[in-house]
Amino acid sequence: MDKRPFGDARNSQGSSEPSDLHMAFFSGPHCSGAPIGNYGKVLMIATGFGIAAQLPFLKELIQGFNRSEVRTRNIHLIWQLNDLGLSTPEGI
């Protein structure tokens, strides 16, 4: 079993390239216990107000990174907005 701390991204050959690639996909939120910090790269996709469901996961990843408790080193967030909600005040 690999005894390196989560913050050490090297594989067993000492390279930073992963020796095994694992992909996971989950939609949700289905529960609060999804172990997303076990993955080196995380892709998050949200639309509109769906970003609110992603915020706890982002917070968990960032705080876990600061404490060297997660393996995640890259987070890609795609947030689709149909309207920015910006409007010109009347009279301008």
N, C-alpha and C. Protein backbone atom coordinates (compact mmCIF):
# COMPACT_ATOMS: atom_id res chain seq x y z
N MET A 1 0.85 -1.19 0.00
CA MET A 1 0.00 0.00 0.00
C MET A 1 0.88 1.24 0.00
N ASP A 2 0.49 2.23 -0.77
CA ASP A 2 1.24 3.48 -0.88
C ASP A 2 1.06 4.29 0.39
N LYS A 3 2.16 4.63 1.06
CA LYS A 3 2.08 5.35 2.32
C LYS A 3 2.44 6.83 2.18
N ARG A 4 2.56 7.31 0.93
CA ARG A 4 2.87 8.73 0.74
C ARG A 4 1.67 9.57 1.16
N PRO A 5 1.91 10.77 1.68
CA PRO A 5 0.79 11.65 2.04
C PRO A 5 0.05 12.09 0.78
N PHE A 6 -1.18 12.53 0.97
CA PHE A 6 -1.99 12.96 -0.16
C PHE A 6 -1.31 14.02 -0.99
N GLY A 7 -0.52 14.89 -0.36
CA GLY A 7 0.11 15.99 -1.08
C GLY A 7 1.22 15.56 -2.02
N ASP A 8 1.68 14.31 -1.95
CA ASP A 8 2.76 13.84 -2.80
C ASP A 8 2.15 13.17 -4.02
N ALA A 9 2.24 13.84 -5.17
CA ALA A 9 1.58 13.37 -6.39
C ALA A 9 2.46 12.45 -7.22
N ARG A 10 3.65 12.08 -6.72
CA ARG A 10 4.54 11.21 -7.50
C ARG A 10 4.02 9.78 -7.51
N ASN A 11 4.25 9.09 -8.64
CA ASN A 11 3.88 7.69 -8.70
C ASN A 11 5.00 6.83 -8.13
N SER A 12 4.85 5.52 -8.18
CA SER A 12 5.84 4.63 -7.56
C SER A 12 7.20 4.69 -8.23
N GLN A 13 7.27 5.20 -9.48
CA GLN A 13 8.55 5.33 -10.18
C GLN A 13 9.21 6.68 -9.89
N GLY A 14 8.61 7.52 -9.06
CA GLY A 14 9.18 8.81 -8.72
C GLY A 14 8.81 9.92 -9.69
N SER A 15 8.05 9.61 -10.72
CA SER A 15 7.65 10.60 -11.71
C SER A 15 6.35 11.26 -11.26
N SER A 16 6.10 12.47 -11.73
CA SER A 16 4.85 13.13 -11.41
C SER A 16 3.72 12.67 -12.33
N GLU A 17 4.06 11.86 -13.33
CA GLU A 17 3.03 11.30 -14.22
C GLU A 17 2.31 10.16 -13.50
N PRO A 18 0.98 10.12 -13.59
CA PRO A 18 0.26 9.07 -12.89
C PRO A 18 0.51 7.71 -13.52
N SER A 19 0.65 6.68 -12.69
CA SER A 19 0.84 5.33 -13.21
C SER A 19 -0.50 4.69 -13.56
N ASP A 20 -1.55 5.08 -12.90
CA ASP A 20 -2.90 4.60 -13.18
C ASP A 20 -3.82 5.79 -13.32
N LEU A 21 -4.67 5.74 -14.31
CA LEU A 21 -5.66 6.80 -14.48
C LEU A 21 -7.02 6.23 -14.12
N HIS A 22 -7.75 6.94 -13.30
CA HIS A 22 -9.09 6.54 -12.91
C HIS A 22 -10.02 7.70 -13.18
N MET A 23 -11.15 7.41 -13.74
CA MET A 23 -12.12 8.45 -14.02
C MET A 23 -13.39 8.13 -13.25
N ALA A 24 -13.98 9.14 -12.69
CA ALA A 24 -15.24 8.97 -11.99
C ALA A 24 -16.20 10.05 -12.44
N PHE A 25 -17.46 9.71 -12.50
CA PHE A 25 -18.49 10.67 -12.86
C PHE A 25 -19.62 10.51 -11.87
N PHE A 26 -20.04 11.62 -11.30
CA PHE A 26 -21.24 11.56 -10.48
C PHE A 26 -22.00 12.85 -10.67
N SER A 27 -23.28 12.73 -10.60
CA SER A 27 -24.14 13.91 -10.70
C SER A 27 -24.80 14.08 -9.35
N GLY A 28 -25.39 15.19 -9.18
CA GLY A 28 -26.00 15.33 -7.85
C GLY A 28 -26.44 16.74 -7.59
N PRO A 29 -26.49 17.13 -6.39
CA PRO A 29 -25.94 16.43 -5.24
C PRO A 29 -26.84 15.29 -4.78
N HIS A 30 -26.24 14.13 -4.56
CA HIS A 30 -26.98 12.98 -4.04
C HIS A 30 -26.71 12.77 -2.56
N CYS A 31 -25.53 13.17 -2.15
CA CYS A 31 -25.18 13.06 -0.73
C CYS A 31 -24.03 14.02 -0.46
N SER A 32 -23.71 14.20 0.78
CA SER A 32 -22.61 15.12 1.12
C SER A 32 -21.29 14.39 1.28
N GLY A 33 -21.27 13.05 1.14
CA GLY A 33 -20.06 12.30 1.42
C GLY A 33 -19.30 11.83 0.20
N ALA A 34 -19.49 12.44 -0.96
CA ALA A 34 -18.77 12.01 -2.16
C ALA A 34 -17.28 12.31 -1.98
N PRO A 35 -16.40 11.30 -2.14
CA PRO A 35 -14.97 11.48 -1.86
C PRO A 35 -14.21 12.09 -3.05
N ILE A 36 -14.55 13.31 -3.44
CA ILE A 36 -13.92 13.90 -4.62
C ILE A 36 -12.46 14.26 -4.40
N GLY A 37 -12.02 14.37 -3.18
CA GLY A 37 -10.63 14.69 -2.90
C GLY A 37 -9.66 13.58 -3.22
N ASN A 38 -10.17 12.40 -3.60
CA ASN A 38 -9.31 11.28 -3.96
C ASN A 38 -8.82 11.36 -5.39
N TYR A 39 -9.29 12.32 -6.16
CA TYR A 39 -8.96 12.42 -7.57
C TYR A 39 -8.01 13.59 -7.80
N GLY A 40 -7.03 13.40 -8.68
CA GLY A 40 -6.05 14.44 -8.97
C GLY A 40 -6.63 15.61 -9.73
N LYS A 41 -7.58 15.33 -10.62
CA LYS A 41 -8.23 16.37 -11.40
C LYS A 41 -9.73 16.24 -11.24
N VAL A 42 -10.41 17.37 -11.05
CA VAL A 42 -11.86 17.37 -10.88
C VAL A 42 -12.46 18.33 -11.89
N LEU A 43 -13.47 17.87 -12.61
CA LEU A 43 -14.22 18.69 -13.55
C LEU A 43 -15.61 18.89 -12.97
N MET A 44 -15.99 20.15 -12.77
CA MET A 44 -17.30 20.48 -12.23
C MET A 44 -18.06 21.27 -13.27
N ILE A 45 -19.31 20.89 -13.51
CA ILE A 45 -20.14 21.56 -14.50
C ILE A 45 -21.43 21.98 -13.82
N ALA A 46 -21.78 23.25 -13.97
CA ALA A 46 -23.00 23.77 -13.37
C ALA A 46 -23.68 24.71 -14.35
N THR A 47 -24.99 24.80 -14.23
CA THR A 47 -25.76 25.77 -15.01
C THR A 47 -26.57 26.62 -14.05
N GLY A 48 -26.62 27.89 -14.34
CA GLY A 48 -27.44 28.81 -13.55
C GLY A 48 -27.20 28.71 -12.06
N PHE A 49 -28.31 28.55 -11.33
CA PHE A 49 -28.23 28.47 -9.88
C PHE A 49 -27.66 27.15 -9.39
N GLY A 50 -27.40 26.21 -10.30
CA GLY A 50 -26.79 24.94 -9.94
C GLY A 50 -25.39 25.11 -9.35
N ILE A 51 -24.81 26.29 -9.51
CA ILE A 51 -23.50 26.55 -8.94
C ILE A 51 -23.55 26.43 -7.41
N ALA A 52 -24.71 26.68 -6.82
CA ALA A 52 -24.85 26.60 -5.37
C ALA A 52 -24.56 25.19 -4.86
N ALA A 53 -24.87 24.17 -5.66
CA ALA A 53 -24.60 22.80 -5.26
C ALA A 53 -23.12 22.47 -5.35
N GLN A 54 -22.37 23.21 -6.17
CA GLN A 54 -20.94 22.95 -6.33
C GLN A 54 -20.09 23.62 -5.25
N LEU A 55 -20.59 24.68 -4.66
CA LEU A 55 -19.80 25.46 -3.71
C LEU A 55 -19.30 24.65 -2.50
N PRO A 56 -20.12 23.79 -1.89
CA PRO A 56 -19.57 23.01 -0.77
C PRO A 56 -18.43 22.09 -1.20
N PHE A 57 -18.52 21.53 -2.42
CA PHE A 57 -17.44 20.67 -2.92
C PHE A 57 -16.18 21.49 -3.16
N LEU A 58 -16.32 22.68 -3.74
CA LEU A 58 -15.16 23.56 -3.95
C LEU A 58 -14.50 23.91 -2.61
N LYS A 59 -15.33 24.26 -1.65
CA LYS A 59 -14.82 24.62 -0.33
C LYS A 59 -14.06 23.45 0.29
N GLU A 60 -14.63 22.24 0.19
CA GLU A 60 -13.97 21.04 0.72
C GLU A 60 -12.62 20.80 0.05
N LEU A 61 -12.56 20.96 -1.28
CA LEU A 61 -11.31 20.74 -2.00
C LEU A 61 -10.26 21.78 -1.65
N ILE A 62 -10.65 23.03 -1.58
CA ILE A 62 -9.69 24.10 -1.27
C ILE A 62 -9.16 23.96 0.15
N GLN A 63 -10.06 23.73 1.10
CA GLN A 63 -9.60 23.57 2.49
C GLN A 63 -8.76 22.31 2.65
N GLY A 64 -9.14 21.23 1.97
CA GLY A 64 -8.36 20.00 2.02
C GLY A 64 -6.98 20.18 1.41
N PHE A 65 -6.90 20.95 0.33
CA PHE A 65 -5.60 21.24 -0.28
C PHE A 65 -4.72 22.01 0.70
N ASN A 66 -5.28 23.02 1.34
CA ASN A 66 -4.51 23.82 2.29
C ASN A 66 -4.00 23.00 3.47
N ARG A 67 -4.72 21.94 3.82
CA ARG A 67 -4.31 21.07 4.93
C ARG A 67 -3.56 19.83 4.43
N SER A 68 -3.28 19.75 3.13
CA SER A 68 -2.61 18.59 2.51
C SER A 68 -3.37 17.29 2.77
N GLU A 69 -4.69 17.34 2.69
CA GLU A 69 -5.52 16.17 2.96
C GLU A 69 -6.18 15.60 1.70
N VAL A 70 -6.07 16.27 0.57
CA VAL A 70 -6.68 15.77 -0.66
C VAL A 70 -5.63 15.62 -1.74
N ARG A 71 -5.91 14.77 -2.71
CA ARG A 71 -5.00 14.56 -3.83
C ARG A 71 -5.27 15.53 -4.97
N THR A 72 -6.38 16.20 -4.95
CA THR A 72 -6.78 17.08 -6.04
C THR A 72 -5.81 18.23 -6.21
N ARG A 73 -5.33 18.40 -7.45
CA ARG A 73 -4.41 19.49 -7.76
C ARG A 73 -4.95 20.38 -8.88
N ASN A 74 -5.93 19.91 -9.62
CA ASN A 74 -6.53 20.70 -10.69
C ASN A 74 -8.04 20.64 -10.58
N ILE A 75 -8.67 21.80 -10.55
CA ILE A 75 -10.13 21.90 -10.55
C ILE A 75 -10.52 22.72 -11.77
N HIS A 76 -11.36 22.16 -12.60
CA HIS A 76 -11.89 22.87 -13.76
C HIS A 76 -13.38 23.06 -13.52
N LEU A 77 -13.82 24.32 -13.48
CA LEU A 77 -15.22 24.63 -13.24
C LEU A 77 -15.80 25.26 -14.49
N ILE A 78 -16.85 24.64 -15.01
CA ILE A 78 -17.58 25.19 -16.15
C ILE A 78 -18.94 25.61 -15.61
N TRP A 79 -19.24 26.88 -15.76
CA TRP A 79 -20.50 27.42 -15.24
C TRP A 79 -21.20 28.13 -16.38
N GLN A 80 -22.31 27.57 -16.83
CA GLN A 80 -23.07 28.14 -17.93
C GLN A 80 -24.14 29.07 -17.39
N LEU A 81 -24.12 30.30 -17.88
CA LEU A 81 -25.15 31.28 -17.52
C LEU A 81 -25.84 31.73 -18.79
N ASN A 82 -27.16 31.72 -18.78
CA ASN A 82 -27.90 32.20 -19.93
C ASN A 82 -27.97 33.72 -19.94
N ASP A 83 -27.94 34.32 -18.77
CA ASP A 83 -28.06 35.77 -18.63
C ASP A 83 -27.23 36.20 -17.43
N LEU A 84 -26.40 37.19 -17.61
CA LEU A 84 -25.58 37.67 -16.51
C LEU A 84 -26.38 38.46 -15.48
N GLY A 85 -27.63 38.80 -15.84
CA GLY A 85 -28.46 39.55 -14.92
C GLY A 85 -28.10 41.02 -14.87
N LEU A 86 -27.30 41.46 -15.81
CA LEU A 86 -26.91 42.87 -15.85
C LEU A 86 -27.91 43.63 -16.72
N SER A 87 -28.34 44.73 -16.23
CA SER A 87 -29.25 45.56 -17.03
C SER A 87 -28.83 47.02 -16.89
N THR A 88 -29.14 47.77 -17.89
CA THR A 88 -28.82 49.19 -17.86
C THR A 88 -29.91 49.92 -17.10
N PRO A 89 -29.54 50.72 -16.12
CA PRO A 89 -30.56 51.49 -15.39
C PRO A 89 -31.32 52.41 -16.34
N GLU A 90 -32.60 52.58 -16.08
CA GLU A 90 -33.42 53.44 -16.93
C GLU A 90 -32.91 54.88 -16.86
N GLY A 91 -32.94 55.52 -17.99
CA GLY A 91 -32.53 56.91 -18.05
C GLY A 91 -31.09 57.08 -18.47
N ILE A 92 -30.37 56.02 -18.68
CA ILE A 92 -28.97 56.15 -19.11
C ILE A 92 -28.89 55.90 -20.59
